[in-house]
Amino acid sequence: MVQDQPLVPRNQEETKLILNRLRRVEGQIRGIQQMVEEDRYCTDILVQISAANSALKKVGLQVLEHHTAHCVVKAAEDGDNGEVMDDLISAIRQFSKS
């Protein structure tokens, strides 16, 4: 059930929340780049990297929640039961690598 298009598109509010979170992560990354350029203390940089990783993981969880609650449910309702679980497990495995 690999899809090019989502089974259930995100609503505008979900999209807005995800994009806002990603913009914050982008700002964090730029801040980390600046810290490196300024030769800041390594521990301070590592703390910021950890914060950026955590923020990005939250975005991933939000996307995974949408996928599970909407796309997987819709596919199951449409009778794609065998592939649905394989797709969900694959998505969870891929996400958990990060």
N, C-alpha and C. Protein backbone atom coordinates (compact mmCIF):
# COMPACT_ATOMS: atom_id res chain seq x y z
N MET A 1 0.82 -1.19 0.00
CA MET A 1 0.00 0.00 0.00
C MET A 1 0.87 1.26 0.00
N VAL A 2 1.95 1.23 -0.70
CA VAL A 2 2.77 2.42 -0.82
C VAL A 2 2.01 3.42 -1.67
N GLN A 3 1.82 4.61 -1.13
CA GLN A 3 0.97 5.59 -1.78
C GLN A 3 1.77 6.83 -2.16
N ASP A 4 1.51 7.35 -3.34
CA ASP A 4 2.06 8.63 -3.72
C ASP A 4 1.20 9.76 -3.15
N GLN A 5 -0.09 9.50 -3.05
CA GLN A 5 -1.04 10.46 -2.51
C GLN A 5 -1.61 9.90 -1.22
N PRO A 6 -1.86 10.75 -0.22
CA PRO A 6 -2.41 10.24 1.03
C PRO A 6 -3.82 9.71 0.83
N LEU A 7 -4.14 8.65 1.59
CA LEU A 7 -5.50 8.14 1.55
C LEU A 7 -6.47 9.15 2.12
N VAL A 8 -6.04 9.82 3.18
CA VAL A 8 -6.86 10.85 3.82
C VAL A 8 -5.98 12.09 3.99
N PRO A 9 -6.17 13.11 3.15
CA PRO A 9 -5.32 14.31 3.26
C PRO A 9 -5.47 14.97 4.63
N ARG A 10 -4.40 15.62 5.05
CA ARG A 10 -4.45 16.39 6.30
C ARG A 10 -5.36 17.59 6.09
N ASN A 11 -6.05 17.97 7.15
CA ASN A 11 -6.84 19.19 7.05
C ASN A 11 -5.90 20.39 7.18
N GLN A 12 -6.43 21.56 6.92
CA GLN A 12 -5.59 22.77 6.92
C GLN A 12 -4.94 23.02 8.28
N GLU A 13 -5.66 22.74 9.34
CA GLU A 13 -5.12 22.97 10.68
C GLU A 13 -3.94 22.04 10.97
N GLU A 14 -4.08 20.76 10.60
CA GLU A 14 -2.98 19.81 10.78
C GLU A 14 -1.76 20.24 9.98
N THR A 15 -1.99 20.61 8.74
CA THR A 15 -0.89 21.04 7.87
C THR A 15 -0.20 22.27 8.47
N LYS A 16 -0.99 23.22 8.94
CA LYS A 16 -0.44 24.44 9.54
C LYS A 16 0.40 24.11 10.77
N LEU A 17 -0.07 23.23 11.63
CA LEU A 17 0.68 22.85 12.82
C LEU A 17 1.99 22.17 12.47
N ILE A 18 1.95 21.26 11.50
CA ILE A 18 3.18 20.56 11.10
C ILE A 18 4.17 21.55 10.50
N LEU A 19 3.71 22.41 9.62
CA LEU A 19 4.62 23.38 9.00
C LEU A 19 5.21 24.34 10.03
N ASN A 20 4.41 24.77 11.00
CA ASN A 20 4.93 25.64 12.06
C ASN A 20 6.02 24.94 12.86
N ARG A 21 5.78 23.67 13.20
CA ARG A 21 6.79 22.91 13.95
C ARG A 21 8.07 22.76 13.12
N LEU A 22 7.90 22.46 11.84
CA LEU A 22 9.09 22.31 10.98
C LEU A 22 9.86 23.62 10.84
N ARG A 23 9.16 24.72 10.80
CA ARG A 23 9.85 26.02 10.73
C ARG A 23 10.63 26.29 12.01
N ARG A 24 10.07 25.88 13.15
CA ARG A 24 10.80 26.04 14.41
C ARG A 24 12.06 25.18 14.42
N VAL A 25 11.93 23.95 13.92
CA VAL A 25 13.09 23.06 13.83
C VAL A 25 14.13 23.67 12.90
N GLU A 26 13.68 24.21 11.79
CA GLU A 26 14.60 24.86 10.85
C GLU A 26 15.35 26.00 11.54
N GLY A 27 14.65 26.78 12.35
CA GLY A 27 15.29 27.85 13.10
C GLY A 27 16.30 27.31 14.10
N GLN A 28 15.96 26.20 14.73
CA GLN A 28 16.89 25.58 15.67
C GLN A 28 18.16 25.14 14.95
N ILE A 29 18.00 24.57 13.78
CA ILE A 29 19.16 24.10 13.01
C ILE A 29 20.04 25.28 12.61
N ARG A 30 19.41 26.36 12.17
CA ARG A 30 20.20 27.56 11.83
C ARG A 30 20.94 28.07 13.06
N GLY A 31 20.29 28.01 14.22
CA GLY A 31 20.95 28.43 15.46
C GLY A 31 22.14 27.55 15.78
N ILE A 32 22.01 26.26 15.55
CA ILE A 32 23.12 25.33 15.78
C ILE A 32 24.26 25.64 14.82
N GLN A 33 23.93 25.91 13.56
CA GLN A 33 24.97 26.27 12.59
C GLN A 33 25.73 27.50 13.06
N GLN A 34 25.00 28.47 13.55
CA GLN A 34 25.64 29.69 14.03
C GLN A 34 26.52 29.40 15.24
N MET A 35 26.06 28.54 16.12
CA MET A 35 26.87 28.17 17.29
C MET A 35 28.19 27.53 16.85
N VAL A 36 28.14 26.67 15.84
CA VAL A 36 29.35 26.03 15.34
C VAL A 36 30.27 27.08 14.72
N GLU A 37 29.69 27.98 13.91
CA GLU A 37 30.49 29.04 13.30
C GLU A 37 31.17 29.91 14.36
N GLU A 38 30.49 30.12 15.47
CA GLU A 38 31.03 30.95 16.55
C GLU A 38 31.93 30.16 17.50
N ASP A 39 32.13 28.88 17.18
CA ASP A 39 32.99 28.00 17.98
C ASP A 39 32.53 27.95 19.44
N ARG A 40 31.21 27.79 19.62
CA ARG A 40 30.64 27.72 20.96
C ARG A 40 31.02 26.41 21.64
N TYR A 41 30.82 26.37 22.92
CA TYR A 41 31.15 25.23 23.75
C TYR A 41 30.41 23.98 23.24
N CYS A 42 31.12 22.87 23.12
CA CYS A 42 30.57 21.64 22.53
C CYS A 42 29.30 21.17 23.24
N THR A 43 29.31 21.21 24.56
CA THR A 43 28.15 20.74 25.30
C THR A 43 26.91 21.58 24.98
N ASP A 44 27.08 22.87 24.83
CA ASP A 44 25.96 23.73 24.47
C ASP A 44 25.39 23.36 23.10
N ILE A 45 26.27 23.05 22.17
CA ILE A 45 25.84 22.63 20.83
C ILE A 45 25.09 21.31 20.91
N LEU A 46 25.63 20.38 21.69
CA LEU A 46 24.98 19.07 21.83
C LEU A 46 23.59 19.18 22.45
N VAL A 47 23.43 20.08 23.40
CA VAL A 47 22.12 20.30 24.01
C VAL A 47 21.13 20.78 22.95
N GLN A 48 21.58 21.69 22.09
CA GLN A 48 20.69 22.22 21.05
C GLN A 48 20.38 21.17 20.00
N ILE A 49 21.36 20.32 19.67
CA ILE A 49 21.12 19.23 18.73
C ILE A 49 20.07 18.27 19.30
N SER A 50 20.20 17.98 20.58
CA SER A 50 19.22 17.11 21.24
C SER A 50 17.82 17.72 21.19
N ALA A 51 17.73 19.02 21.43
CA ALA A 51 16.43 19.70 21.39
C ALA A 51 15.83 19.65 19.98
N ALA A 52 16.68 19.84 18.97
CA ALA A 52 16.20 19.80 17.58
C ALA A 52 15.74 18.39 17.22
N ASN A 53 16.50 17.39 17.64
CA ASN A 53 16.10 16.00 17.40
C ASN A 53 14.75 15.70 18.04
N SER A 54 14.58 16.15 19.25
CA SER A 54 13.33 15.93 19.96
C SER A 54 12.16 16.61 19.25
N ALA A 55 12.37 17.84 18.82
CA ALA A 55 11.31 18.57 18.11
C ALA A 55 10.95 17.88 16.81
N LEU A 56 11.95 17.40 16.08
CA LEU A 56 11.68 16.71 14.81
C LEU A 56 10.97 15.39 15.06
N LYS A 57 11.33 14.70 16.11
CA LYS A 57 10.66 13.46 16.46
C LYS A 57 9.18 13.71 16.76
N LYS A 58 8.87 14.84 17.40
CA LYS A 58 7.47 15.18 17.68
C LYS A 58 6.69 15.38 16.38
N VAL A 59 7.33 15.99 15.40
CA VAL A 59 6.68 16.16 14.10
C VAL A 59 6.42 14.79 13.48
N GLY A 60 7.41 13.92 13.55
CA GLY A 60 7.25 12.57 13.01
C GLY A 60 6.12 11.81 13.69
N LEU A 61 6.02 11.95 14.99
CA LEU A 61 4.93 11.29 15.71
C LEU A 61 3.58 11.83 15.28
N GLN A 62 3.52 13.13 15.06
CA GLN A 62 2.27 13.74 14.61
C GLN A 62 1.87 13.18 13.23
N VAL A 63 2.84 13.04 12.34
CA VAL A 63 2.56 12.48 11.01
C VAL A 63 2.17 11.01 11.13
N LEU A 64 2.86 10.26 11.98
CA LEU A 64 2.54 8.85 12.18
C LEU A 64 1.15 8.68 12.79
N GLU A 65 0.78 9.56 13.71
CA GLU A 65 -0.57 9.51 14.29
C GLU A 65 -1.63 9.73 13.22
N HIS A 66 -1.40 10.72 12.35
CA HIS A 66 -2.36 10.96 11.26
C HIS A 66 -2.45 9.72 10.37
N HIS A 67 -1.31 9.18 10.02
CA HIS A 67 -1.28 8.01 9.14
C HIS A 67 -2.08 6.87 9.76
N THR A 68 -1.86 6.63 11.05
CA THR A 68 -2.55 5.53 11.72
C THR A 68 -4.04 5.79 11.86
N ALA A 69 -4.39 6.97 12.34
CA ALA A 69 -5.79 7.28 12.64
C ALA A 69 -6.64 7.50 11.39
N HIS A 70 -6.00 7.89 10.31
CA HIS A 70 -6.79 8.23 9.12
C HIS A 70 -6.49 7.31 7.94
N CYS A 71 -5.25 7.30 7.49
CA CYS A 71 -4.90 6.54 6.29
C CYS A 71 -5.06 5.03 6.50
N VAL A 72 -4.55 4.53 7.62
CA VAL A 72 -4.62 3.09 7.89
C VAL A 72 -6.08 2.67 8.11
N VAL A 73 -6.81 3.46 8.87
CA VAL A 73 -8.22 3.14 9.12
C VAL A 73 -9.00 3.13 7.81
N LYS A 74 -8.77 4.13 6.97
CA LYS A 74 -9.47 4.21 5.67
C LYS A 74 -9.13 3.00 4.81
N ALA A 75 -7.86 2.63 4.75
CA ALA A 75 -7.46 1.49 3.95
C ALA A 75 -8.09 0.20 4.48
N ALA A 76 -8.15 0.07 5.81
CA ALA A 76 -8.78 -1.11 6.41
C ALA A 76 -10.27 -1.16 6.06
N GLU A 77 -10.92 -0.01 6.13
CA GLU A 77 -12.34 0.06 5.78
C GLU A 77 -12.58 -0.30 4.31
N ASP A 78 -11.59 0.02 3.48
CA ASP A 78 -11.68 -0.29 2.05
C ASP A 78 -11.32 -1.74 1.74
N GLY A 79 -10.94 -2.50 2.78
CA GLY A 79 -10.67 -3.92 2.59
C GLY A 79 -9.23 -4.28 2.30
N ASP A 80 -8.30 -3.38 2.49
CA ASP A 80 -6.88 -3.66 2.24
C ASP A 80 -6.20 -4.19 3.50
N ASN A 81 -6.87 -5.03 4.27
CA ASN A 81 -6.40 -5.44 5.60
C ASN A 81 -4.99 -6.02 5.61
N GLY A 82 -4.66 -6.88 4.67
CA GLY A 82 -3.34 -7.51 4.67
C GLY A 82 -2.22 -6.49 4.50
N GLU A 83 -2.39 -5.62 3.53
CA GLU A 83 -1.36 -4.63 3.25
C GLU A 83 -1.33 -3.52 4.30
N VAL A 84 -2.47 -3.27 4.92
CA VAL A 84 -2.57 -2.17 5.90
C VAL A 84 -1.59 -2.38 7.03
N MET A 85 -1.60 -3.58 7.61
CA MET A 85 -0.70 -3.84 8.74
C MET A 85 0.76 -3.82 8.31
N ASP A 86 1.04 -4.37 7.14
CA ASP A 86 2.42 -4.34 6.64
C ASP A 86 2.90 -2.90 6.46
N ASP A 87 2.03 -2.06 5.90
CA ASP A 87 2.38 -0.66 5.69
C ASP A 87 2.60 0.06 7.02
N LEU A 88 1.71 -0.18 7.98
CA LEU A 88 1.84 0.47 9.28
C LEU A 88 3.12 0.02 9.99
N ILE A 89 3.38 -1.26 9.99
CA ILE A 89 4.60 -1.76 10.63
C ILE A 89 5.83 -1.20 9.95
N SER A 90 5.80 -1.13 8.63
CA SER A 90 6.92 -0.56 7.88
C SER A 90 7.13 0.91 8.25
N ALA A 91 6.04 1.66 8.35
CA ALA A 91 6.14 3.08 8.72
C ALA A 91 6.71 3.23 10.13
N ILE A 92 6.26 2.40 11.05
CA ILE A 92 6.76 2.47 12.43
C ILE A 92 8.24 2.11 12.47
N ARG A 93 8.62 1.07 11.77
CA ARG A 93 10.05 0.66 11.73
C ARG A 93 10.91 1.78 11.15
N GLN A 94 10.46 2.35 10.05
CA GLN A 94 11.23 3.43 9.42
C GLN A 94 11.38 4.61 10.35
N PHE A 95 10.29 4.99 11.01
CA PHE A 95 10.32 6.13 11.91
C PHE A 95 11.18 5.85 13.14
N SER A 96 11.14 4.62 13.64
CA SER A 96 11.89 4.31 14.85
C SER A 96 13.39 4.23 14.62
N LYS A 97 13.84 4.21 13.36
CA LYS A 97 15.28 4.24 13.06
C LYS A 97 15.90 5.56 13.46
N SER A 98 15.09 6.62 13.48
CA SER A 98 15.65 7.93 13.76
C SER A 98 15.96 8.13 15.23
